[in-house]
């Protein structure tokens, strides 16, 4: 990751995910943020907090960024889930230091 320069919000997303810090990860998202993952859109505070617990914290996700271009982070994703590590694309829209939209899919 040292060779990849990430915007502050994306850097915070990676760091807090890898630290398994649910509260700090939630703080990366704007109040109006939307997360698109597994065919679902998570829009409310309750939904995003649940998504963080189920999809990031529970499986102890660790992100190893491999590239970043035009808001798209590609990362090797490892953790306690079947089939890992896998490459995922994280398409970020940010405003200031906050994530306003995040779409996740296989890279």
N, C-alpha and C. Protein backbone atom coordinates (compact mmCIF):
# COMPACT_ATOMS: atom_id res chain seq x y z
N UNK A 1 0.82 -1.19 0.00
CA UNK A 1 0.00 0.00 0.00
C UNK A 1 0.86 1.25 0.00
N UNK A 2 2.11 1.14 0.39
CA UNK A 2 2.95 2.33 0.51
C UNK A 2 3.14 3.05 -0.82
N UNK A 3 3.02 2.33 -1.95
CA UNK A 3 3.20 2.96 -3.25
C UNK A 3 1.92 3.58 -3.78
N UNK A 4 0.81 3.37 -3.11
CA UNK A 4 -0.49 3.84 -3.58
C UNK A 4 -0.93 5.02 -2.72
N UNK A 5 -1.23 6.14 -3.37
CA UNK A 5 -1.74 7.30 -2.65
C UNK A 5 -3.26 7.26 -2.69
N UNK A 6 -3.86 7.28 -1.50
CA UNK A 6 -5.31 7.22 -1.39
C UNK A 6 -5.86 8.52 -0.83
N UNK A 7 -7.04 8.94 -1.28
CA UNK A 7 -7.70 10.08 -0.64
C UNK A 7 -7.93 9.76 0.84
N UNK A 8 -8.03 10.80 1.63
CA UNK A 8 -8.15 10.64 3.08
C UNK A 8 -9.29 9.71 3.49
N UNK A 9 -10.46 9.87 2.89
CA UNK A 9 -11.62 9.04 3.25
C UNK A 9 -11.37 7.57 2.92
N UNK A 10 -10.75 7.30 1.79
CA UNK A 10 -10.46 5.93 1.38
C UNK A 10 -9.38 5.33 2.28
N UNK A 11 -8.37 6.12 2.57
CA UNK A 11 -7.32 5.68 3.49
C UNK A 11 -7.91 5.33 4.86
N UNK A 12 -8.83 6.16 5.35
CA UNK A 12 -9.48 5.90 6.63
C UNK A 12 -10.34 4.63 6.57
N UNK A 13 -11.03 4.41 5.45
CA UNK A 13 -11.83 3.20 5.28
C UNK A 13 -10.95 1.97 5.39
N UNK A 14 -9.82 1.97 4.70
CA UNK A 14 -8.90 0.83 4.73
C UNK A 14 -8.34 0.63 6.13
N UNK A 15 -7.86 1.70 6.74
CA UNK A 15 -7.23 1.60 8.06
C UNK A 15 -8.21 1.11 9.13
N UNK A 16 -9.43 1.65 9.13
CA UNK A 16 -10.39 1.26 10.17
C UNK A 16 -10.95 -0.13 9.92
N UNK A 17 -11.07 -0.52 8.64
CA UNK A 17 -11.47 -1.89 8.33
C UNK A 17 -10.41 -2.85 8.85
N UNK A 18 -9.16 -2.58 8.53
CA UNK A 18 -8.07 -3.47 8.93
C UNK A 18 -7.87 -3.51 10.44
N UNK A 19 -8.25 -2.44 11.13
CA UNK A 19 -8.15 -2.40 12.60
C UNK A 19 -9.36 -3.05 13.26
N UNK A 20 -10.36 -3.41 12.46
CA UNK A 20 -11.60 -4.03 12.97
C UNK A 20 -12.27 -3.12 14.00
N UNK A 21 -12.29 -1.83 13.69
CA UNK A 21 -12.85 -0.82 14.59
C UNK A 21 -14.18 -0.32 14.01
N UNK A 22 -15.27 -0.91 14.46
CA UNK A 22 -16.59 -0.62 13.90
C UNK A 22 -16.98 0.85 14.04
N UNK A 23 -16.74 1.44 15.20
CA UNK A 23 -17.13 2.85 15.41
C UNK A 23 -16.33 3.79 14.51
N UNK A 24 -15.03 3.56 14.43
CA UNK A 24 -14.19 4.40 13.58
C UNK A 24 -14.55 4.22 12.11
N UNK A 25 -14.89 2.99 11.72
CA UNK A 25 -15.30 2.74 10.34
C UNK A 25 -16.61 3.45 10.03
N UNK A 26 -17.57 3.39 10.94
CA UNK A 26 -18.84 4.09 10.73
C UNK A 26 -18.61 5.59 10.58
N UNK A 27 -17.66 6.14 11.32
CA UNK A 27 -17.38 7.58 11.28
C UNK A 27 -16.82 8.03 9.93
N UNK A 28 -16.38 7.10 9.10
CA UNK A 28 -15.85 7.43 7.77
C UNK A 28 -17.00 7.81 6.82
N UNK A 29 -18.22 7.38 7.14
CA UNK A 29 -19.36 7.59 6.25
C UNK A 29 -20.13 8.87 6.58
N UNK A 30 -20.54 9.58 5.54
CA UNK A 30 -21.40 10.76 5.70
C UNK A 30 -22.77 10.32 6.19
N UNK A 31 -23.51 11.25 6.77
CA UNK A 31 -24.85 10.95 7.28
C UNK A 31 -25.78 10.43 6.18
N UNK A 32 -25.56 10.85 4.96
CA UNK A 32 -26.42 10.46 3.84
C UNK A 32 -25.80 9.37 2.97
N UNK A 33 -24.78 8.69 3.48
CA UNK A 33 -24.05 7.69 2.70
C UNK A 33 -24.94 6.52 2.31
N UNK A 34 -24.56 5.91 1.19
CA UNK A 34 -25.19 4.68 0.71
C UNK A 34 -24.07 3.68 0.43
N UNK A 35 -24.27 2.45 0.90
CA UNK A 35 -23.34 1.36 0.62
C UNK A 35 -24.07 0.33 -0.24
N UNK A 36 -23.47 -0.02 -1.38
CA UNK A 36 -24.03 -1.02 -2.29
C UNK A 36 -23.13 -2.25 -2.21
N UNK A 37 -23.68 -3.37 -1.73
CA UNK A 37 -22.89 -4.59 -1.57
C UNK A 37 -23.84 -5.78 -1.63
N UNK A 38 -23.40 -6.86 -2.26
CA UNK A 38 -24.18 -8.10 -2.34
C UNK A 38 -25.59 -7.88 -2.88
N UNK A 39 -25.74 -6.96 -3.81
CA UNK A 39 -27.04 -6.70 -4.41
C UNK A 39 -28.00 -5.89 -3.56
N UNK A 40 -27.51 -5.36 -2.45
CA UNK A 40 -28.33 -4.55 -1.54
C UNK A 40 -27.79 -3.14 -1.45
N UNK A 41 -28.69 -2.21 -1.12
CA UNK A 41 -28.29 -0.83 -0.84
C UNK A 41 -28.59 -0.57 0.63
N UNK A 42 -27.56 -0.17 1.37
CA UNK A 42 -27.68 0.13 2.79
C UNK A 42 -27.68 1.65 2.92
N UNK A 43 -28.77 2.21 3.45
CA UNK A 43 -28.93 3.66 3.41
C UNK A 43 -29.09 4.31 4.78
N UNK A 44 -29.58 3.59 5.75
CA UNK A 44 -29.81 4.20 7.06
C UNK A 44 -28.63 3.93 7.99
N UNK A 45 -28.56 4.68 9.08
CA UNK A 45 -27.50 4.45 10.06
C UNK A 45 -27.54 3.00 10.54
N UNK A 46 -28.73 2.51 10.86
CA UNK A 46 -28.87 1.14 11.35
C UNK A 46 -28.39 0.12 10.32
N UNK A 47 -28.77 0.33 9.05
CA UNK A 47 -28.36 -0.59 7.98
C UNK A 47 -26.85 -0.57 7.77
N UNK A 48 -26.25 0.61 7.76
CA UNK A 48 -24.81 0.70 7.54
C UNK A 48 -24.05 0.12 8.73
N UNK A 49 -24.50 0.39 9.95
CA UNK A 49 -23.86 -0.22 11.13
C UNK A 49 -23.95 -1.75 11.07
N UNK A 50 -25.10 -2.27 10.67
CA UNK A 50 -25.27 -3.71 10.55
C UNK A 50 -24.35 -4.27 9.46
N UNK A 51 -24.29 -3.58 8.31
CA UNK A 51 -23.40 -4.00 7.23
C UNK A 51 -21.96 -4.05 7.72
N UNK A 52 -21.53 -3.05 8.46
CA UNK A 52 -20.16 -3.02 8.99
C UNK A 52 -19.91 -4.26 9.86
N UNK A 53 -20.84 -4.57 10.75
CA UNK A 53 -20.66 -5.72 11.64
C UNK A 53 -20.63 -7.04 10.87
N UNK A 54 -21.59 -7.21 9.96
CA UNK A 54 -21.74 -8.49 9.25
C UNK A 54 -20.68 -8.69 8.17
N UNK A 55 -20.37 -7.64 7.42
CA UNK A 55 -19.51 -7.79 6.25
C UNK A 55 -18.06 -7.35 6.46
N UNK A 56 -17.76 -6.59 7.48
CA UNK A 56 -16.40 -6.10 7.67
C UNK A 56 -15.80 -6.62 8.98
N UNK A 57 -16.49 -6.40 10.09
CA UNK A 57 -15.94 -6.72 11.40
C UNK A 57 -16.04 -8.22 11.70
N UNK A 58 -17.22 -8.79 11.52
CA UNK A 58 -17.43 -10.21 11.81
C UNK A 58 -16.44 -11.13 11.14
N UNK A 59 -16.25 -11.00 9.82
CA UNK A 59 -15.29 -11.87 9.14
C UNK A 59 -13.84 -11.39 9.23
N UNK A 60 -13.60 -10.37 10.05
CA UNK A 60 -12.25 -9.85 10.27
C UNK A 60 -11.53 -9.54 8.95
N UNK A 61 -12.19 -8.74 8.15
CA UNK A 61 -11.69 -8.38 6.83
C UNK A 61 -10.38 -7.60 6.94
N UNK A 62 -9.45 -7.96 6.07
CA UNK A 62 -8.19 -7.23 5.92
C UNK A 62 -8.06 -6.88 4.44
N UNK A 63 -7.90 -5.59 4.17
CA UNK A 63 -7.76 -5.09 2.81
C UNK A 63 -6.30 -4.79 2.51
N UNK A 64 -5.83 -5.29 1.37
CA UNK A 64 -4.50 -4.96 0.88
C UNK A 64 -4.68 -4.29 -0.47
N UNK A 65 -4.64 -2.95 -0.50
CA UNK A 65 -4.84 -2.24 -1.76
C UNK A 65 -3.80 -2.61 -2.81
N UNK A 66 -4.27 -2.80 -4.05
CA UNK A 66 -3.36 -3.08 -5.15
C UNK A 66 -3.35 -1.96 -6.19
N UNK A 67 -4.45 -1.20 -6.26
CA UNK A 67 -4.47 -0.05 -7.18
C UNK A 67 -5.59 0.91 -6.77
N UNK A 68 -5.43 2.16 -7.21
CA UNK A 68 -6.48 3.16 -7.01
C UNK A 68 -6.46 4.10 -8.20
N UNK A 69 -7.65 4.26 -8.83
CA UNK A 69 -7.75 5.14 -9.98
C UNK A 69 -9.20 5.62 -10.11
N UNK A 70 -9.38 6.93 -10.23
CA UNK A 70 -10.71 7.53 -10.45
C UNK A 70 -11.75 7.04 -9.45
N UNK A 71 -11.39 6.99 -8.18
CA UNK A 71 -12.33 6.60 -7.15
C UNK A 71 -12.47 5.11 -6.94
N UNK A 72 -11.80 4.31 -7.76
CA UNK A 72 -11.90 2.84 -7.64
C UNK A 72 -10.66 2.27 -6.96
N UNK A 73 -10.90 1.67 -5.81
CA UNK A 73 -9.85 0.95 -5.09
C UNK A 73 -10.01 -0.53 -5.41
N UNK A 74 -8.94 -1.14 -5.89
CA UNK A 74 -8.92 -2.60 -6.04
C UNK A 74 -8.03 -3.11 -4.93
N UNK A 75 -8.55 -4.11 -4.20
CA UNK A 75 -7.81 -4.63 -3.06
C UNK A 75 -7.97 -6.13 -2.97
N UNK A 76 -6.92 -6.77 -2.49
CA UNK A 76 -7.01 -8.17 -2.11
C UNK A 76 -7.69 -8.19 -0.75
N UNK A 77 -8.75 -8.98 -0.63
CA UNK A 77 -9.54 -9.03 0.60
C UNK A 77 -9.39 -10.40 1.22
N UNK A 78 -8.96 -10.41 2.47
CA UNK A 78 -8.79 -11.66 3.19
C UNK A 78 -9.54 -11.55 4.51
N UNK A 79 -9.77 -12.66 5.13
CA UNK A 79 -10.47 -12.69 6.41
C UNK A 79 -11.03 -14.07 6.65
N UNK A 80 -11.97 -14.14 7.57
CA UNK A 80 -12.58 -15.41 7.93
C UNK A 80 -13.84 -15.63 7.11
N UNK A 81 -13.65 -15.97 5.82
CA UNK A 81 -14.75 -16.28 4.91
C UNK A 81 -14.24 -17.27 3.89
N UNK A 82 -15.14 -18.04 3.30
CA UNK A 82 -14.78 -19.05 2.32
C UNK A 82 -14.28 -18.39 1.04
N UNK A 83 -13.23 -18.97 0.47
CA UNK A 83 -12.76 -18.53 -0.82
C UNK A 83 -11.73 -17.42 -0.84
N UNK A 84 -11.32 -16.94 0.33
CA UNK A 84 -10.38 -15.83 0.36
C UNK A 84 -8.96 -16.29 0.21
N UNK A 85 -8.04 -15.40 -0.12
CA UNK A 85 -8.31 -14.00 -0.46
C UNK A 85 -8.92 -13.86 -1.86
N UNK A 86 -9.66 -12.78 -2.04
CA UNK A 86 -10.30 -12.47 -3.31
C UNK A 86 -10.04 -11.00 -3.63
N UNK A 87 -10.04 -10.68 -4.91
CA UNK A 87 -9.89 -9.28 -5.32
C UNK A 87 -11.26 -8.63 -5.48
N UNK A 88 -11.42 -7.50 -4.79
CA UNK A 88 -12.66 -6.74 -4.86
C UNK A 88 -12.37 -5.34 -5.35
N UNK A 89 -13.38 -4.75 -6.01
CA UNK A 89 -13.32 -3.34 -6.41
C UNK A 89 -14.25 -2.56 -5.49
N UNK A 90 -13.76 -1.46 -4.98
CA UNK A 90 -14.51 -0.57 -4.11
C UNK A 90 -14.61 0.77 -4.83
N UNK A 91 -15.79 1.11 -5.30
CA UNK A 91 -15.99 2.37 -6.02
C UNK A 91 -16.50 3.41 -5.03
N UNK A 92 -15.64 4.38 -4.74
CA UNK A 92 -15.92 5.40 -3.73
C UNK A 92 -16.35 6.71 -4.37
N UNK A 93 -17.34 7.34 -3.76
CA UNK A 93 -17.63 8.75 -3.97
C UNK A 93 -17.42 9.40 -2.62
N UNK A 94 -16.64 10.45 -2.60
CA UNK A 94 -16.32 11.10 -1.32
C UNK A 94 -16.66 12.58 -1.39
N UNK A 95 -16.87 13.14 -0.22
CA UNK A 95 -17.05 14.58 -0.07
C UNK A 95 -16.23 14.98 1.14
N UNK A 96 -15.18 15.75 0.89
CA UNK A 96 -14.26 16.06 1.98
C UNK A 96 -13.60 14.78 2.45
N UNK A 97 -13.64 14.55 3.74
CA UNK A 97 -13.01 13.36 4.33
C UNK A 97 -14.00 12.24 4.58
N UNK A 98 -15.19 12.31 3.96
CA UNK A 98 -16.23 11.31 4.22
C UNK A 98 -16.63 10.58 2.95
N UNK A 99 -17.02 9.33 3.12
CA UNK A 99 -17.55 8.52 2.03
C UNK A 99 -19.04 8.80 1.91
N UNK A 100 -19.49 9.18 0.70
CA UNK A 100 -20.92 9.41 0.48
C UNK A 100 -21.58 8.26 -0.26
N UNK A 101 -20.79 7.51 -1.02
CA UNK A 101 -21.32 6.36 -1.74
C UNK A 101 -20.20 5.34 -1.92
N UNK A 102 -20.52 4.08 -1.69
CA UNK A 102 -19.55 3.01 -1.84
C UNK A 102 -20.24 1.83 -2.51
N UNK A 103 -19.71 1.40 -3.64
CA UNK A 103 -20.23 0.22 -4.34
C UNK A 103 -19.12 -0.82 -4.38
N UNK A 104 -19.45 -2.03 -3.94
CA UNK A 104 -18.45 -3.10 -3.81
C UNK A 104 -18.83 -4.26 -4.71
N UNK A 105 -17.84 -4.79 -5.43
CA UNK A 105 -18.05 -5.96 -6.27
C UNK A 105 -16.73 -6.65 -6.54
N UNK A 106 -16.79 -7.80 -7.16
CA UNK A 106 -15.57 -8.51 -7.52
C UNK A 106 -14.80 -7.71 -8.56
N UNK A 107 -13.49 -7.74 -8.44
CA UNK A 107 -12.63 -7.02 -9.39
C UNK A 107 -12.35 -7.88 -10.60
